Amino acid sequence: MAVPQYGEDPEPSERFPAGPLYVPVRPGSSGCTLRLFRTPLGRRTAVGFTSERGLVATLGGHQAWIRLAEPALRALTGPLGVTTVTVDPRFTAPAAGPAGDAPAEPAPVPAHWAG
């Protein structure tokens, strides 16, 4: 029985997409600050999107962003203890309000990016 030959490694060594990512930021008086998020288990993570369309679909059209390569994003967040980078997250939840604020209606179902 012949063993199939592959032109490329079936499991590439690169863990992330090549090229710059669209990274959400908060503009401020001194420049931009990266937005950090939380994973479903509560760990802090940096987030990047492979397309502007994906960022807008997940975070909205008013979200400011910058372009950064994944290694640059890791270099910026590593000193903060953030070791996880989430690329093209599929689910988001609404921002939490202050502890005393109870929503008048049930919270919406998290948005899904079909990307």
Protein backbone atom coordinates (compact mmCIF):
# COMPACT_ATOMS: atom_id res chain seq x y z
CA MET A 1 0.00 0.00 0.00
CA ALA A 2 1.45 3.37 -1.00
CA VAL A 3 1.74 6.20 1.51
CA PRO A 4 0.30 9.46 0.12
CA GLN A 5 2.81 12.25 -0.42
CA TYR A 6 1.89 15.78 0.61
CA GLY A 7 3.26 18.90 -1.03
CA GLU A 8 2.89 20.81 2.23
CA ASP A 9 3.05 19.93 5.89
CA PRO A 10 -0.52 18.87 6.88
CA GLU A 11 -0.08 20.74 10.17
CA PRO A 12 1.78 23.98 9.42
CA SER A 13 4.17 25.20 12.07
CA GLU A 14 2.70 28.71 11.93
CA ARG A 15 0.05 29.12 14.59
CA PHE A 16 -1.42 32.38 13.31
CA PRO A 17 -2.38 33.95 9.98
CA ALA A 18 0.37 35.77 8.14
CA GLY A 19 0.16 39.51 7.75
CA PRO A 20 -0.97 42.38 9.93
CA LEU A 21 -4.06 42.06 12.10
CA TYR A 22 -6.78 44.64 12.77
CA VAL A 23 -6.35 45.25 16.51
CA PRO A 24 -8.99 47.12 18.57
CA VAL A 25 -7.71 50.19 20.41
CA ARG A 26 -8.98 53.03 22.55
CA PRO A 27 -7.82 56.45 21.33
CA GLY A 28 -6.60 58.81 24.02
CA SER A 29 -4.75 62.07 24.48
CA SER A 30 -1.35 60.31 24.40
CA GLY A 31 -2.14 58.02 21.47
CA CYS A 32 -3.84 54.64 21.27
CA THR A 33 -4.16 51.97 23.95
CA LEU A 34 -4.74 48.32 23.07
CA ARG A 35 -8.07 46.94 24.18
CA LEU A 36 -7.73 43.71 26.14
CA PHE A 37 -10.57 41.23 26.46
CA ARG A 38 -11.36 38.13 28.51
CA THR A 39 -11.69 34.55 27.33
CA PRO A 40 -14.81 32.58 28.36
CA LEU A 41 -12.72 31.24 31.27
CA GLY A 42 -11.80 34.75 32.40
CA ARG A 43 -8.18 34.96 31.21
CA ARG A 44 -7.05 38.24 29.65
CA THR A 45 -6.39 38.08 25.92
CA ALA A 46 -5.32 40.40 23.15
CA VAL A 47 -7.58 40.26 20.10
CA GLY A 48 -6.82 40.67 16.42
CA PHE A 49 -8.92 40.28 13.30
CA THR A 50 -7.76 39.17 9.87
CA SER A 51 -10.16 41.64 8.21
CA GLU A 52 -11.69 45.02 8.98
CA ARG A 53 -15.06 43.49 8.13
CA GLY A 54 -14.65 40.89 10.88
CA LEU A 55 -13.71 43.54 13.44
CA VAL A 56 -16.72 45.70 12.51
CA ALA A 57 -19.10 42.72 12.55
CA THR A 58 -17.94 41.73 16.03
CA LEU A 59 -17.24 45.05 17.77
CA GLY A 60 -19.22 47.59 15.73
CA GLY A 61 -18.43 50.28 13.21
CA HIS A 62 -17.25 52.83 15.76
CA GLN A 63 -14.45 50.64 17.11
CA ALA A 64 -11.05 52.24 16.51
CA TRP A 65 -8.28 49.93 15.33
CA ILE A 66 -4.66 49.79 14.26
CA ARG A 67 -2.75 47.29 12.12
CA LEU A 68 -0.20 45.15 13.96
CA ALA A 69 1.55 41.90 13.14
CA GLU A 70 0.91 39.11 15.66
CA PRO A 71 4.52 39.16 17.01
CA ALA A 72 4.23 42.93 17.65
CA LEU A 73 0.90 42.41 19.44
CA ARG A 74 2.51 39.74 21.64
CA ALA A 75 5.49 42.02 22.34
CA LEU A 76 3.15 44.78 23.54
CA THR A 77 0.97 42.58 25.74
CA GLY A 78 3.61 40.21 27.13
CA PRO A 79 4.96 42.67 29.73
CA LEU A 80 1.37 43.03 31.01
CA GLY A 81 1.19 39.28 31.65
CA VAL A 82 -1.14 38.71 28.70
CA THR A 83 0.13 35.63 26.88
CA THR A 84 -2.96 34.76 24.83
CA VAL A 85 -3.80 36.25 21.43
CA THR A 86 -7.25 35.47 20.08
CA VAL A 87 -7.55 35.80 16.30
CA ASP A 88 -11.00 36.32 14.76
CA PRO A 89 -13.10 35.70 17.88
CA ARG A 90 -16.56 34.40 17.03
CA PHE A 91 -18.53 35.42 20.11
CA THR A 92 -18.79 38.59 22.13
CA ALA A 93 -20.95 39.59 25.05
CA PRO A 94 -22.23 43.03 25.95
CA ALA A 95 -20.02 45.11 28.22
CA ALA A 96 -20.74 44.72 31.91
CA GLY A 97 -22.24 47.70 33.68
CA PRO A 98 -21.54 48.91 37.22
CA ALA A 99 -22.45 46.41 39.95
CA GLY A 100 -25.66 48.24 40.92
CA ASP A 101 -27.09 48.47 37.41
CA ALA A 102 -29.65 45.79 36.62
CA PRO A 103 -30.76 45.61 32.97
CA ALA A 104 -34.39 46.41 32.31
CA GLU A 105 -34.52 43.61 29.75
CA PRO A 106 -32.65 40.34 29.52
CA ALA A 107 -29.17 40.68 28.07
CA PRO A 108 -29.05 40.06 24.32
CA VAL A 109 -27.68 36.81 22.99
CA PRO A 110 -23.94 37.24 22.24
CA ALA A 111 -23.23 38.38 18.70
CA HIS A 112 -21.90 35.78 16.29
CA TRP A 113 -19.47 36.61 13.55
CA ALA A 114 -19.90 34.26 10.63
CA GLY A 115 -16.77 35.54 9.05
